[in-house]
Amino acid sequence: MDKKRLEHYKKKLEAKREELQRMMATAEEEGRAADEATQDIADKASNSYTKEFLFSQSNNERFILEQVEEALRRLQQDDYGLCLGCQEEIQQKRLEAVPWTSHCLPCQEKQEQGLD
């Protein structure tokens, strides 16, 4: 992969990292706000649901953030764009859609089916 394309993906990954960090900080603040004492049982239930929703959303964001960080490490090590499964180059369309991906589509499908 040429340097121009690598720089393009690096910028996309860094922007995604910043976005995820902002979203996680916002969710954390909202979770704390939901902790405020409420008097009504319905409000307590609603706050509990909100906290649980924010927690699950935060876990998903944390997982993607880890993948973004790993993709940035692969970029530094000149391994970016190579499938971890078959060591073939990952398709450009896939990298554009999911720049933090670590597998080509066939290997990803195998992994999801438990065949890897």
N, C-alpha and C. Protein backbone atom coordinates (compact mmCIF):
# COMPACT_ATOMS: atom_id res chain seq x y z
N MET A 1 0.86 -1.17 0.00
CA MET A 1 0.00 0.00 0.00
C MET A 1 0.90 1.24 0.00
N ASP A 2 0.54 2.23 -0.81
CA ASP A 2 1.38 3.42 -0.91
C ASP A 2 1.21 4.34 0.31
N LYS A 3 2.19 5.24 0.48
CA LYS A 3 2.20 6.12 1.66
C LYS A 3 1.00 7.05 1.71
N LYS A 4 0.54 7.51 0.56
CA LYS A 4 -0.61 8.42 0.53
C LYS A 4 -1.86 7.72 1.07
N ARG A 5 -2.07 6.49 0.65
CA ARG A 5 -3.23 5.73 1.12
C ARG A 5 -3.09 5.41 2.61
N LEU A 6 -1.88 5.06 3.05
CA LEU A 6 -1.66 4.79 4.48
C LEU A 6 -1.95 6.03 5.31
N GLU A 7 -1.55 7.18 4.84
CA GLU A 7 -1.81 8.44 5.56
C GLU A 7 -3.32 8.71 5.62
N HIS A 8 -4.00 8.40 4.54
CA HIS A 8 -5.46 8.55 4.50
C HIS A 8 -6.12 7.71 5.60
N TYR A 9 -5.71 6.45 5.70
CA TYR A 9 -6.29 5.57 6.72
C TYR A 9 -5.87 5.99 8.13
N LYS A 10 -4.67 6.47 8.27
CA LYS A 10 -4.22 6.94 9.58
C LYS A 10 -5.10 8.09 10.06
N LYS A 11 -5.41 9.02 9.17
CA LYS A 11 -6.29 10.15 9.54
C LYS A 11 -7.68 9.66 9.90
N LYS A 12 -8.20 8.71 9.13
CA LYS A 12 -9.53 8.16 9.43
C LYS A 12 -9.54 7.48 10.79
N LEU A 13 -8.50 6.72 11.08
CA LEU A 13 -8.42 6.00 12.35
C LEU A 13 -8.28 6.97 13.53
N GLU A 14 -7.46 7.99 13.36
CA GLU A 14 -7.28 8.97 14.43
C GLU A 14 -8.58 9.74 14.69
N ALA A 15 -9.31 10.07 13.62
CA ALA A 15 -10.59 10.76 13.78
C ALA A 15 -11.59 9.86 14.50
N LYS A 16 -11.61 8.57 14.15
CA LYS A 16 -12.52 7.63 14.81
C LYS A 16 -12.16 7.48 16.28
N ARG A 17 -10.86 7.44 16.58
CA ARG A 17 -10.41 7.33 17.97
C ARG A 17 -10.91 8.52 18.78
N GLU A 18 -10.75 9.73 18.24
CA GLU A 18 -11.21 10.93 18.93
C GLU A 18 -12.72 10.92 19.13
N GLU A 19 -13.44 10.50 18.10
CA GLU A 19 -14.90 10.43 18.19
C GLU A 19 -15.33 9.46 19.30
N LEU A 20 -14.71 8.29 19.33
CA LEU A 20 -15.06 7.29 20.34
C LEU A 20 -14.72 7.78 21.75
N GLN A 21 -13.59 8.43 21.89
CA GLN A 21 -13.21 8.95 23.20
C GLN A 21 -14.19 10.01 23.68
N ARG A 22 -14.65 10.86 22.77
CA ARG A 22 -15.66 11.86 23.13
C ARG A 22 -16.97 11.19 23.54
N MET A 23 -17.40 10.21 22.75
CA MET A 23 -18.65 9.51 23.04
C MET A 23 -18.58 8.80 24.39
N MET A 24 -17.44 8.19 24.69
CA MET A 24 -17.30 7.49 25.96
C MET A 24 -17.32 8.47 27.13
N ALA A 25 -16.69 9.61 26.97
CA ALA A 25 -16.69 10.62 28.03
C ALA A 25 -18.11 11.14 28.26
N THR A 26 -18.84 11.37 27.19
CA THR A 26 -20.22 11.84 27.31
C THR A 26 -21.09 10.80 28.01
N ALA A 27 -20.94 9.54 27.63
CA ALA A 27 -21.73 8.46 28.25
C ALA A 27 -21.39 8.36 29.73
N GLU A 28 -20.13 8.54 30.07
CA GLU A 28 -19.73 8.48 31.48
C GLU A 28 -20.38 9.61 32.28
N GLU A 29 -20.40 10.80 31.70
CA GLU A 29 -21.03 11.95 32.36
C GLU A 29 -22.53 11.70 32.53
N GLU A 30 -23.17 11.19 31.49
CA GLU A 30 -24.61 10.92 31.56
C GLU A 30 -24.92 9.83 32.58
N GLY A 31 -24.03 8.85 32.68
CA GLY A 31 -24.20 7.79 33.67
C GLY A 31 -24.13 8.34 35.09
N ARG A 32 -23.21 9.25 35.30
CA ARG A 32 -23.10 9.88 36.62
C ARG A 32 -24.35 10.71 36.92
N ALA A 33 -24.84 11.41 35.90
CA ALA A 33 -26.03 12.24 36.09
C ALA A 33 -27.25 11.37 36.42
N ALA A 34 -27.29 10.16 35.86
CA ALA A 34 -28.41 9.26 36.13
C ALA A 34 -28.36 8.73 37.56
N ASP A 35 -27.20 8.85 38.20
CA ASP A 35 -27.04 8.40 39.58
C ASP A 35 -27.68 9.33 40.60
N GLU A 36 -28.01 10.53 40.17
CA GLU A 36 -28.57 11.50 41.11
C GLU A 36 -29.81 10.92 41.79
N ALA A 37 -29.97 11.28 43.04
CA ALA A 37 -31.08 10.74 43.83
C ALA A 37 -32.42 11.14 43.23
N THR A 38 -33.26 10.16 43.06
CA THR A 38 -34.61 10.42 42.59
C THR A 38 -35.58 9.88 43.64
N GLN A 39 -36.76 10.43 43.64
CA GLN A 39 -37.72 10.04 44.66
C GLN A 39 -38.77 9.07 44.12
N ASP A 40 -39.09 9.20 42.90
CA ASP A 40 -40.15 8.39 42.30
C ASP A 40 -39.58 7.05 41.84
N ILE A 41 -40.33 5.97 42.09
CA ILE A 41 -39.88 4.63 41.70
C ILE A 41 -39.76 4.51 40.18
N ALA A 42 -40.65 5.15 39.44
CA ALA A 42 -40.58 5.12 37.97
C ALA A 42 -39.32 5.82 37.50
N ASP A 43 -38.95 6.93 38.15
CA ASP A 43 -37.73 7.63 37.80
C ASP A 43 -36.50 6.77 38.09
N LYS A 44 -36.55 6.04 39.19
CA LYS A 44 -35.43 5.15 39.53
C LYS A 44 -35.29 4.05 38.48
N ALA A 45 -36.41 3.49 38.06
CA ALA A 45 -36.38 2.45 37.03
C ALA A 45 -35.85 3.01 35.71
N SER A 46 -36.31 4.19 35.37
CA SER A 46 -35.85 4.83 34.14
C SER A 46 -34.36 5.12 34.20
N ASN A 47 -33.89 5.62 35.34
CA ASN A 47 -32.47 5.90 35.51
C ASN A 47 -31.64 4.62 35.44
N SER A 48 -32.17 3.56 36.02
CA SER A 48 -31.47 2.27 35.97
C SER A 48 -31.35 1.78 34.53
N TYR A 49 -32.44 1.89 33.79
CA TYR A 49 -32.42 1.49 32.37
C TYR A 49 -31.41 2.34 31.60
N THR A 50 -31.43 3.64 31.84
CA THR A 50 -30.52 4.56 31.15
C THR A 50 -29.07 4.20 31.44
N LYS A 51 -28.77 3.94 32.70
CA LYS A 51 -27.39 3.56 33.07
C LYS A 51 -26.98 2.27 32.38
N GLU A 52 -27.87 1.28 32.35
CA GLU A 52 -27.57 0.00 31.72
C GLU A 52 -27.34 0.18 30.21
N PHE A 53 -28.18 1.00 29.59
CA PHE A 53 -28.03 1.28 28.16
C PHE A 53 -26.69 1.96 27.89
N LEU A 54 -26.37 2.97 28.69
CA LEU A 54 -25.10 3.70 28.51
C LEU A 54 -23.91 2.78 28.74
N PHE A 55 -24.03 1.87 29.70
CA PHE A 55 -22.96 0.93 29.98
C PHE A 55 -22.72 0.01 28.78
N SER A 56 -23.78 -0.53 28.21
CA SER A 56 -23.62 -1.43 27.06
C SER A 56 -23.09 -0.67 25.86
N GLN A 57 -23.55 0.55 25.67
CA GLN A 57 -23.06 1.38 24.57
C GLN A 57 -21.57 1.67 24.78
N SER A 58 -21.19 1.98 25.99
CA SER A 58 -19.81 2.27 26.32
C SER A 58 -18.92 1.05 26.08
N ASN A 59 -19.41 -0.14 26.41
CA ASN A 59 -18.63 -1.36 26.16
C ASN A 59 -18.37 -1.55 24.68
N ASN A 60 -19.38 -1.31 23.85
CA ASN A 60 -19.21 -1.43 22.41
C ASN A 60 -18.20 -0.41 21.90
N GLU A 61 -18.30 0.81 22.36
CA GLU A 61 -17.35 1.85 21.96
C GLU A 61 -15.94 1.50 22.41
N ARG A 62 -15.80 0.95 23.60
CA ARG A 62 -14.49 0.56 24.13
C ARG A 62 -13.89 -0.55 23.25
N PHE A 63 -14.72 -1.50 22.83
CA PHE A 63 -14.26 -2.60 21.97
C PHE A 63 -13.76 -2.05 20.63
N ILE A 64 -14.53 -1.16 20.03
CA ILE A 64 -14.11 -0.57 18.74
C ILE A 64 -12.86 0.27 18.93
N LEU A 65 -12.77 1.00 20.04
CA LEU A 65 -11.58 1.80 20.32
C LEU A 65 -10.34 0.92 20.40
N GLU A 66 -10.45 -0.24 21.02
CA GLU A 66 -9.33 -1.17 21.08
C GLU A 66 -8.91 -1.61 19.67
N GLN A 67 -9.90 -1.86 18.81
CA GLN A 67 -9.60 -2.26 17.44
C GLN A 67 -8.93 -1.12 16.67
N VAL A 68 -9.38 0.11 16.90
CA VAL A 68 -8.79 1.28 16.24
C VAL A 68 -7.33 1.43 16.70
N GLU A 69 -7.10 1.30 18.00
CA GLU A 69 -5.74 1.40 18.54
C GLU A 69 -4.83 0.33 17.94
N GLU A 70 -5.36 -0.88 17.82
CA GLU A 70 -4.58 -1.98 17.24
C GLU A 70 -4.28 -1.70 15.77
N ALA A 71 -5.23 -1.15 15.03
CA ALA A 71 -5.00 -0.80 13.62
C ALA A 71 -3.92 0.27 13.51
N LEU A 72 -3.92 1.23 14.41
CA LEU A 72 -2.88 2.27 14.40
C LEU A 72 -1.51 1.66 14.70
N ARG A 73 -1.46 0.66 15.57
CA ARG A 73 -0.19 -0.04 15.84
C ARG A 73 0.29 -0.78 14.60
N ARG A 74 -0.66 -1.44 13.91
CA ARG A 74 -0.29 -2.16 12.68
C ARG A 74 0.23 -1.18 11.63
N LEU A 75 -0.35 0.02 11.60
CA LEU A 75 0.10 1.05 10.67
C LEU A 75 1.57 1.40 10.95
N GLN A 76 1.90 1.56 12.23
CA GLN A 76 3.28 1.90 12.61
C GLN A 76 4.24 0.77 12.30
N GLN A 77 3.76 -0.46 12.37
CA GLN A 77 4.61 -1.62 12.14
C GLN A 77 4.61 -2.08 10.68
N ASP A 78 3.99 -1.30 9.81
CA ASP A 78 3.89 -1.62 8.39
C ASP A 78 3.14 -2.92 8.11
N ASP A 79 2.22 -3.29 8.99
CA ASP A 79 1.39 -4.48 8.78
C ASP A 79 -0.04 -4.12 8.43
N TYR A 80 -0.34 -2.84 8.35
CA TYR A 80 -1.71 -2.39 8.12
C TYR A 80 -2.18 -2.81 6.74
N GLY A 81 -3.41 -3.26 6.67
CA GLY A 81 -4.01 -3.64 5.40
C GLY A 81 -3.80 -5.09 5.04
N LEU A 82 -3.08 -5.83 5.88
CA LEU A 82 -2.89 -7.25 5.66
C LEU A 82 -3.79 -8.03 6.61
N CYS A 83 -4.44 -9.03 6.08
CA CYS A 83 -5.33 -9.87 6.87
C CYS A 83 -4.52 -10.68 7.89
N LEU A 84 -4.96 -10.69 9.12
CA LEU A 84 -4.28 -11.47 10.15
C LEU A 84 -4.49 -12.97 9.96
N GLY A 85 -5.51 -13.33 9.20
CA GLY A 85 -5.80 -14.74 8.96
C GLY A 85 -4.97 -15.34 7.84
N CYS A 86 -5.02 -14.72 6.67
CA CYS A 86 -4.37 -15.31 5.49
C CYS A 86 -3.17 -14.51 4.99
N GLN A 87 -2.91 -13.37 5.60
CA GLN A 87 -1.80 -12.48 5.25
C GLN A 87 -1.92 -11.86 3.85
N GLU A 88 -3.12 -11.96 3.26
CA GLU A 88 -3.38 -11.30 1.98
C GLU A 88 -3.81 -9.87 2.25
N GLU A 89 -3.73 -9.03 1.21
CA GLU A 89 -4.16 -7.64 1.36
C GLU A 89 -5.68 -7.56 1.49
N ILE A 90 -6.13 -6.75 2.44
CA ILE A 90 -7.56 -6.55 2.65
C ILE A 90 -8.07 -5.62 1.55
N GLN A 91 -9.27 -5.91 1.04
CA GLN A 91 -9.85 -5.13 -0.06
C GLN A 91 -10.00 -3.65 0.36
N GLN A 92 -9.73 -2.74 -0.59
CA GLN A 92 -9.83 -1.31 -0.34
C GLN A 92 -11.23 -0.90 0.11
N LYS A 93 -12.27 -1.47 -0.51
CA LYS A 93 -13.64 -1.14 -0.14
C LYS A 93 -13.89 -1.47 1.32
N ARG A 94 -13.37 -2.59 1.76
CA ARG A 94 -13.55 -3.01 3.16
C ARG A 94 -12.82 -2.05 4.10
N LEU A 95 -11.60 -1.67 3.74
CA LEU A 95 -10.84 -0.73 4.58
C LEU A 95 -11.51 0.64 4.62
N GLU A 96 -12.12 1.05 3.54
CA GLU A 96 -12.84 2.33 3.53
C GLU A 96 -14.03 2.28 4.47
N ALA A 97 -14.74 1.15 4.45
CA ALA A 97 -15.93 1.01 5.29
C ALA A 97 -15.57 0.81 6.76
N VAL A 98 -14.56 -0.01 7.02
CA VAL A 98 -14.15 -0.35 8.38
C VAL A 98 -12.63 -0.31 8.45
N PRO A 99 -12.05 0.89 8.58
CA PRO A 99 -10.59 1.00 8.52
C PRO A 99 -9.86 0.29 9.65
N TRP A 100 -10.56 -0.10 10.71
CA TRP A 100 -9.91 -0.79 11.82
C TRP A 100 -9.99 -2.31 11.69
N THR A 101 -10.53 -2.80 10.58
CA THR A 101 -10.66 -4.23 10.39
C THR A 101 -9.29 -4.90 10.36
N SER A 102 -9.25 -6.14 10.81
CA SER A 102 -7.98 -6.87 10.82
C SER A 102 -8.04 -8.13 9.95
N HIS A 103 -9.20 -8.36 9.33
CA HIS A 103 -9.36 -9.55 8.50
C HIS A 103 -10.04 -9.19 7.18
N CYS A 104 -9.69 -9.93 6.14
CA CYS A 104 -10.41 -9.80 4.87
C CYS A 104 -11.80 -10.41 5.07
N LEU A 105 -12.68 -10.17 4.15
CA LEU A 105 -14.07 -10.64 4.31
C LEU A 105 -14.18 -12.17 4.45
N PRO A 106 -13.52 -12.96 3.60
CA PRO A 106 -13.63 -14.42 3.77
C PRO A 106 -13.12 -14.90 5.14
N CYS A 107 -12.01 -14.35 5.61
CA CYS A 107 -11.48 -14.77 6.91
C CYS A 107 -12.38 -14.29 8.05
N GLN A 108 -12.96 -13.11 7.90
CA GLN A 108 -13.88 -12.59 8.92
C GLN A 108 -15.11 -13.49 9.02
N GLU A 109 -15.63 -13.90 7.87
CA GLU A 109 -16.79 -14.79 7.87
C GLU A 109 -16.46 -16.12 8.53
N LYS A 110 -15.28 -16.67 8.24
CA LYS A 110 -14.86 -17.93 8.87
C LYS A 110 -14.77 -17.75 10.38
N GLN A 111 -14.18 -16.64 10.80
CA GLN A 111 -14.02 -16.38 12.23
C GLN A 111 -15.37 -16.27 12.92
N GLU A 112 -16.32 -15.58 12.30
CA GLU A 112 -17.65 -15.41 12.89
C GLU A 112 -18.41 -16.74 12.96
N GLN A 113 -18.13 -17.64 12.04
CA GLN A 113 -18.79 -18.95 12.04
C GLN A 113 -18.06 -19.95 12.94
N GLY A 114 -16.94 -19.50 13.52
CA GLY A 114 -16.17 -20.38 14.40
C GLY A 114 -15.33 -21.38 13.67
N LEU A 115 -15.08 -21.15 12.40
CA LEU A 115 -14.29 -22.09 11.59
C LEU A 115 -12.81 -21.76 11.60
N ASP A 116 -12.46 -20.64 12.19
CA ASP A 116 -11.06 -20.20 12.19
C ASP A 116 -10.29 -20.88 13.28
